[in-house]
N, C-alpha and C. Protein backbone atom coordinates (compact mmCIF):
# COMPACT_ATOMS: atom_id res chain seq x y z
N UNK A 1 0.82 -1.17 0.00
CA UNK A 1 0.00 0.00 0.00
C UNK A 1 0.88 1.25 0.00
N UNK A 2 0.47 2.26 -0.77
CA UNK A 2 1.20 3.53 -0.86
C UNK A 2 0.46 4.55 0.01
N UNK A 3 1.22 5.18 0.83
CA UNK A 3 0.62 6.21 1.69
C UNK A 3 1.02 7.58 1.18
N UNK A 4 0.02 8.42 0.91
CA UNK A 4 0.28 9.78 0.42
C UNK A 4 0.26 10.74 1.59
N UNK A 5 1.30 11.53 1.71
CA UNK A 5 1.39 12.52 2.78
C UNK A 5 1.49 13.89 2.11
N UNK A 6 0.44 14.71 2.28
CA UNK A 6 0.51 16.03 1.66
C UNK A 6 1.57 16.90 2.33
N UNK A 7 2.38 17.51 1.55
CA UNK A 7 3.40 18.42 2.07
C UNK A 7 3.29 19.74 1.33
N UNK A 8 3.80 20.76 1.96
CA UNK A 8 3.81 22.07 1.33
C UNK A 8 4.79 22.06 0.17
N UNK A 9 4.33 22.52 -0.97
CA UNK A 9 5.21 22.61 -2.12
C UNK A 9 6.18 23.76 -1.95
N UNK A 10 7.37 23.59 -2.45
CA UNK A 10 8.32 24.70 -2.40
C UNK A 10 7.77 25.87 -3.20
N UNK A 11 7.85 27.06 -2.63
CA UNK A 11 7.37 28.25 -3.32
C UNK A 11 5.91 28.57 -3.06
N UNK A 12 5.18 27.68 -2.38
CA UNK A 12 3.77 27.98 -2.10
C UNK A 12 3.70 28.91 -0.88
N UNK A 13 2.62 29.65 -0.77
CA UNK A 13 2.52 30.59 0.35
C UNK A 13 2.54 29.88 1.69
N UNK A 14 3.12 30.49 2.68
CA UNK A 14 3.22 29.89 4.01
C UNK A 14 1.90 30.05 4.78
N UNK A 15 1.09 31.03 4.43
CA UNK A 15 -0.17 31.24 5.12
C UNK A 15 -1.32 30.90 4.19
N UNK A 16 -2.43 30.51 4.80
CA UNK A 16 -3.63 30.31 4.01
C UNK A 16 -4.20 31.67 3.66
N UNK A 17 -4.88 31.73 2.56
CA UNK A 17 -5.50 32.99 2.14
C UNK A 17 -6.64 33.33 3.09
N UNK A 18 -6.68 34.59 3.50
CA UNK A 18 -7.74 35.03 4.40
C UNK A 18 -8.83 35.74 3.60
N UNK A 19 -10.05 35.59 4.05
CA UNK A 19 -11.19 36.25 3.40
C UNK A 19 -11.83 37.18 4.42
N UNK A 20 -12.12 38.39 3.97
CA UNK A 20 -12.69 39.41 4.85
C UNK A 20 -14.12 39.70 4.43
N UNK A 21 -14.99 39.91 5.42
CA UNK A 21 -16.39 40.23 5.12
C UNK A 21 -16.47 41.64 4.55
N UNK A 22 -17.54 41.90 3.80
CA UNK A 22 -17.75 43.23 3.24
C UNK A 22 -17.92 44.25 4.36
N UNK A 23 -18.53 43.85 5.46
CA UNK A 23 -18.73 44.76 6.59
C UNK A 23 -17.38 45.15 7.19
N UNK A 24 -16.47 44.18 7.35
CA UNK A 24 -15.14 44.46 7.89
C UNK A 24 -14.40 45.42 6.97
N UNK A 25 -14.47 45.14 5.65
CA UNK A 25 -13.79 46.01 4.68
C UNK A 25 -14.34 47.42 4.73
N UNK A 26 -15.68 47.53 4.78
CA UNK A 26 -16.31 48.85 4.79
C UNK A 26 -15.93 49.63 6.05
N UNK A 27 -15.87 48.95 7.19
CA UNK A 27 -15.47 49.62 8.43
C UNK A 27 -14.03 50.09 8.34
N UNK A 28 -13.15 49.27 7.79
CA UNK A 28 -11.75 49.64 7.64
C UNK A 28 -11.61 50.83 6.70
N UNK A 29 -12.36 50.82 5.60
CA UNK A 29 -12.30 51.92 4.64
C UNK A 29 -12.82 53.20 5.27
N UNK A 30 -13.89 53.09 6.06
CA UNK A 30 -14.44 54.28 6.73
C UNK A 30 -13.39 54.89 7.66
N UNK A 31 -12.69 54.04 8.41
CA UNK A 31 -11.63 54.54 9.29
C UNK A 31 -10.52 55.19 8.49
N UNK A 32 -10.16 54.59 7.36
CA UNK A 32 -9.06 55.10 6.54
C UNK A 32 -9.41 56.41 5.84
N UNK A 33 -10.70 56.71 5.70
CA UNK A 33 -11.12 57.93 5.01
C UNK A 33 -11.30 59.11 5.95
N UNK A 34 -11.10 58.91 7.23
CA UNK A 34 -11.25 60.02 8.18
C UNK A 34 -10.11 61.01 7.97
N UNK A 35 -10.39 62.31 8.11
CA UNK A 35 -9.35 63.32 7.91
C UNK A 35 -8.20 63.16 8.89
N UNK A 36 -6.99 63.25 8.39
CA UNK A 36 -5.80 63.25 9.22
C UNK A 36 -5.33 61.91 9.75
N UNK A 37 -5.90 60.81 9.27
CA UNK A 37 -5.48 59.50 9.78
C UNK A 37 -4.34 58.95 8.93
N UNK A 38 -3.56 58.07 9.52
CA UNK A 38 -2.48 57.38 8.84
C UNK A 38 -3.00 56.02 8.39
N UNK A 39 -3.21 55.86 7.08
CA UNK A 39 -3.80 54.63 6.55
C UNK A 39 -2.93 53.43 6.86
N UNK A 40 -1.62 53.58 6.78
CA UNK A 40 -0.72 52.46 7.08
C UNK A 40 -0.84 52.03 8.53
N UNK A 41 -0.98 52.98 9.44
CA UNK A 41 -1.12 52.64 10.86
C UNK A 41 -2.43 51.90 11.12
N UNK A 42 -3.50 52.33 10.45
CA UNK A 42 -4.79 51.63 10.60
C UNK A 42 -4.68 50.21 10.08
N UNK A 43 -4.02 50.04 8.93
CA UNK A 43 -3.86 48.70 8.35
C UNK A 43 -3.09 47.79 9.31
N UNK A 44 -2.00 48.29 9.87
CA UNK A 44 -1.23 47.48 10.82
C UNK A 44 -2.05 47.16 12.05
N UNK A 45 -2.86 48.11 12.50
CA UNK A 45 -3.68 47.92 13.69
C UNK A 45 -4.70 46.80 13.51
N UNK A 46 -5.28 46.68 12.30
CA UNK A 46 -6.29 45.64 12.08
C UNK A 46 -5.68 44.37 11.49
N UNK A 47 -4.36 44.36 11.28
CA UNK A 47 -3.68 43.13 10.89
C UNK A 47 -3.64 42.84 9.41
N UNK A 48 -3.63 43.88 8.58
CA UNK A 48 -3.50 43.68 7.13
C UNK A 48 -2.38 44.56 6.61
N UNK A 49 -1.99 44.31 5.38
CA UNK A 49 -0.97 45.15 4.75
C UNK A 49 -1.59 46.47 4.31
N UNK A 50 -0.82 47.56 4.37
CA UNK A 50 -1.35 48.85 3.92
C UNK A 50 -1.83 48.82 2.47
N UNK A 51 -1.14 48.07 1.61
CA UNK A 51 -1.55 48.01 0.20
C UNK A 51 -2.95 47.40 0.06
N UNK A 52 -3.29 46.46 0.95
CA UNK A 52 -4.62 45.85 0.92
C UNK A 52 -5.68 46.89 1.26
N UNK A 53 -5.42 47.68 2.28
CA UNK A 53 -6.39 48.71 2.69
C UNK A 53 -6.53 49.78 1.61
N UNK A 54 -5.43 50.17 0.99
CA UNK A 54 -5.52 51.13 -0.11
C UNK A 54 -6.37 50.55 -1.25
N UNK A 55 -6.21 49.26 -1.55
CA UNK A 55 -7.00 48.63 -2.62
C UNK A 55 -8.49 48.61 -2.27
N UNK A 56 -8.80 48.23 -1.03
CA UNK A 56 -10.21 48.23 -0.61
C UNK A 56 -10.79 49.63 -0.72
N UNK A 57 -10.02 50.62 -0.34
CA UNK A 57 -10.49 52.01 -0.40
C UNK A 57 -10.81 52.41 -1.83
N UNK A 58 -9.92 52.06 -2.76
CA UNK A 58 -10.18 52.35 -4.18
C UNK A 58 -11.43 51.62 -4.67
N UNK A 59 -11.59 50.36 -4.25
CA UNK A 59 -12.76 49.59 -4.69
C UNK A 59 -14.06 50.18 -4.14
N UNK A 60 -14.09 50.54 -2.86
CA UNK A 60 -15.30 51.07 -2.25
C UNK A 60 -15.64 52.47 -2.76
N UNK A 61 -14.60 53.25 -3.05
CA UNK A 61 -14.84 54.61 -3.50
C UNK A 61 -15.03 54.70 -5.01
N UNK A 62 -14.89 53.58 -5.71
CA UNK A 62 -15.18 53.53 -7.14
C UNK A 62 -14.19 54.23 -8.02
N UNK A 63 -12.93 54.20 -7.67
CA UNK A 63 -11.91 54.86 -8.48
C UNK A 63 -10.85 53.85 -8.90
N UNK A 64 -10.46 53.91 -10.15
CA UNK A 64 -9.38 53.05 -10.64
C UNK A 64 -8.01 53.66 -10.35
N UNK A 65 -7.97 54.97 -10.20
CA UNK A 65 -6.72 55.66 -9.93
C UNK A 65 -6.57 55.86 -8.43
N UNK A 66 -5.40 55.55 -7.86
CA UNK A 66 -5.20 55.76 -6.43
C UNK A 66 -5.37 57.23 -6.07
N UNK A 67 -6.10 57.48 -4.97
CA UNK A 67 -6.26 58.84 -4.49
C UNK A 67 -7.34 59.65 -5.18
N UNK A 68 -7.95 59.15 -6.25
CA UNK A 68 -8.95 59.92 -6.96
C UNK A 68 -10.30 59.90 -6.29
N UNK A 69 -10.70 58.77 -5.70
CA UNK A 69 -12.03 58.66 -5.13
C UNK A 69 -12.17 59.33 -3.78
N UNK A 70 -11.10 59.45 -3.03
CA UNK A 70 -11.21 59.95 -1.66
C UNK A 70 -11.71 61.38 -1.61
N UNK A 71 -11.40 62.18 -2.59
CA UNK A 71 -11.80 63.59 -2.55
C UNK A 71 -13.25 63.79 -2.99
N UNK A 72 -13.83 62.82 -3.69
CA UNK A 72 -15.15 63.04 -4.25
C UNK A 72 -16.26 62.31 -3.51
N UNK A 73 -15.94 61.33 -2.67
CA UNK A 73 -16.97 60.53 -2.01
C UNK A 73 -16.90 60.77 -0.51
N UNK A 74 -18.06 60.96 0.10
CA UNK A 74 -18.15 61.14 1.55
C UNK A 74 -17.89 59.80 2.22
N UNK A 75 -16.93 59.71 3.16
CA UNK A 75 -16.64 58.43 3.79
C UNK A 75 -17.83 57.85 4.54
N UNK A 76 -18.75 58.69 4.99
CA UNK A 76 -19.91 58.19 5.70
C UNK A 76 -20.82 57.38 4.79
N UNK A 77 -20.73 57.60 3.46
CA UNK A 77 -21.58 56.86 2.54
C UNK A 77 -21.04 55.47 2.23
N UNK A 78 -19.82 55.18 2.70
CA UNK A 78 -19.21 53.88 2.42
C UNK A 78 -19.91 52.78 3.20
N UNK A 79 -20.22 53.03 4.44
CA UNK A 79 -20.85 52.03 5.29
C UNK A 79 -22.32 52.35 5.41
N UNK A 80 -23.16 51.34 5.22
CA UNK A 80 -24.59 51.57 5.40
C UNK A 80 -24.87 51.57 6.89
N UNK A 81 -25.23 52.73 7.41
CA UNK A 81 -25.45 52.92 8.83
C UNK A 81 -26.86 52.47 9.18
N UNK A 82 -27.05 51.64 10.23
CA UNK A 82 -28.39 51.19 10.58
C UNK A 82 -29.27 52.32 11.09
N UNK A 83 -28.68 53.40 11.60
CA UNK A 83 -29.44 54.55 12.06
C UNK A 83 -28.87 55.80 11.39
N UNK A 84 -29.35 56.12 10.17
CA UNK A 84 -28.79 57.25 9.45
C UNK A 84 -29.02 58.56 10.18
N UNK A 85 -28.14 59.49 9.95
CA UNK A 85 -28.21 60.79 10.61
C UNK A 85 -28.42 61.86 9.55
N UNK A 86 -29.33 62.79 9.85
CA UNK A 86 -29.59 63.92 8.97
C UNK A 86 -28.96 65.14 9.62
N UNK A 87 -28.25 65.93 8.82
CA UNK A 87 -27.66 67.16 9.34
C UNK A 87 -28.48 68.34 8.84
N UNK A 88 -28.87 69.22 9.76
CA UNK A 88 -29.64 70.42 9.43
C UNK A 88 -28.74 71.62 9.74
N UNK A 89 -28.44 72.41 8.72
CA UNK A 89 -27.60 73.60 8.88
C UNK A 89 -28.50 74.80 9.11
N UNK A 90 -28.30 75.49 10.23
CA UNK A 90 -29.01 76.72 10.54
C UNK A 90 -27.95 77.76 10.82
N UNK A 91 -27.71 78.62 9.83
CA UNK A 91 -26.60 79.57 9.95
C UNK A 91 -25.29 78.81 9.96
N UNK A 92 -24.51 79.00 11.02
CA UNK A 92 -23.25 78.25 11.12
C UNK A 92 -23.33 77.14 12.17
N UNK A 93 -24.55 76.76 12.53
CA UNK A 93 -24.78 75.69 13.51
C UNK A 93 -25.34 74.46 12.79
N UNK A 94 -24.82 73.29 13.16
CA UNK A 94 -25.27 72.03 12.57
C UNK A 94 -26.02 71.24 13.64
N UNK A 95 -27.24 70.84 13.30
CA UNK A 95 -28.05 69.99 14.17
C UNK A 95 -28.09 68.61 13.53
N UNK A 96 -27.60 67.59 14.24
CA UNK A 96 -27.60 66.22 13.73
C UNK A 96 -28.75 65.45 14.38
N UNK A 97 -29.54 64.79 13.53
CA UNK A 97 -30.75 64.13 14.00
C UNK A 97 -30.81 62.71 13.47
N UNK A 98 -31.11 61.76 14.36
CA UNK A 98 -31.33 60.38 13.95
C UNK A 98 -32.78 60.18 13.53
N UNK A 99 -33.07 59.05 12.95
CA UNK A 99 -34.41 58.82 12.41
C UNK A 99 -35.47 58.65 13.50
N UNK A 100 -35.08 58.36 14.72
CA UNK A 100 -36.06 58.09 15.77
C UNK A 100 -36.32 59.30 16.66
N UNK A 101 -35.95 60.49 16.21
CA UNK A 101 -36.17 61.68 17.01
C UNK A 101 -37.66 62.06 17.01
N UNK A 102 -38.11 62.56 18.14
CA UNK A 102 -39.49 63.01 18.26
C UNK A 102 -39.63 64.34 17.51
N UNK A 103 -40.64 64.43 16.65
CA UNK A 103 -40.82 65.61 15.81
C UNK A 103 -41.01 66.88 16.64
N UNK A 104 -41.79 66.81 17.71
CA UNK A 104 -42.02 67.97 18.55
C UNK A 104 -40.72 68.44 19.21
N UNK A 105 -39.89 67.48 19.63
CA UNK A 105 -38.60 67.83 20.23
C UNK A 105 -37.69 68.51 19.20
N UNK A 106 -37.67 67.98 17.99
CA UNK A 106 -36.85 68.57 16.93
C UNK A 106 -37.31 69.99 16.63
N UNK A 107 -38.61 70.24 16.60
CA UNK A 107 -39.12 71.59 16.36
C UNK A 107 -38.65 72.55 17.45
N UNK A 108 -38.66 72.09 18.72
CA UNK A 108 -38.20 72.94 19.82
C UNK A 108 -36.71 73.25 19.68
N UNK A 109 -35.93 72.26 19.28
CA UNK A 109 -34.49 72.47 19.11
C UNK A 109 -34.23 73.47 17.99
N UNK A 110 -34.92 73.33 16.87
CA UNK A 110 -34.73 74.24 15.74
C UNK A 110 -35.12 75.66 16.14
N UNK A 111 -36.25 75.81 16.84
CA UNK A 111 -36.65 77.15 17.29
C UNK A 111 -35.60 77.76 18.22
N UNK A 112 -35.05 76.95 19.12
CA UNK A 112 -34.05 77.44 20.05
C UNK A 112 -32.78 77.88 19.31
N UNK A 113 -32.38 77.11 18.32
CA UNK A 113 -31.17 77.46 17.56
C UNK A 113 -31.40 78.73 16.75
N UNK A 114 -32.57 78.86 16.15
CA UNK A 114 -32.87 80.07 15.35
C UNK A 114 -32.92 81.32 16.22
N UNK A 115 -33.39 81.20 17.47
CA UNK A 115 -33.49 82.38 18.33
C UNK A 115 -32.14 82.76 18.95
N UNK A 116 -31.17 81.86 18.89
CA UNK A 116 -29.85 82.14 19.50
C UNK A 116 -29.02 83.09 18.66
């Protein structure tokens, strides 16, 4: 009888290929799109290569050229938020409101901001 023992072939990768969920990728891209962050540091923090995070960012932002999509797409639109936030600009004041806000309370807040 011949016994076959699988061995690693010379030149084959030492690690198995990892697969990341779309949610994980989107969260990583959202973090990488924040103003003033170091993309390489974020990549190292979550355990991937910086080039991988840059590629995910290009894919999510819909740009074939590196750096082109980041200026045109809002990073908040990358991840589908379960509780979206609406921003209301009144003069130079921003009121952020979630979908579950009470309408009467929102009216009081807007009146207060307008009178200030």
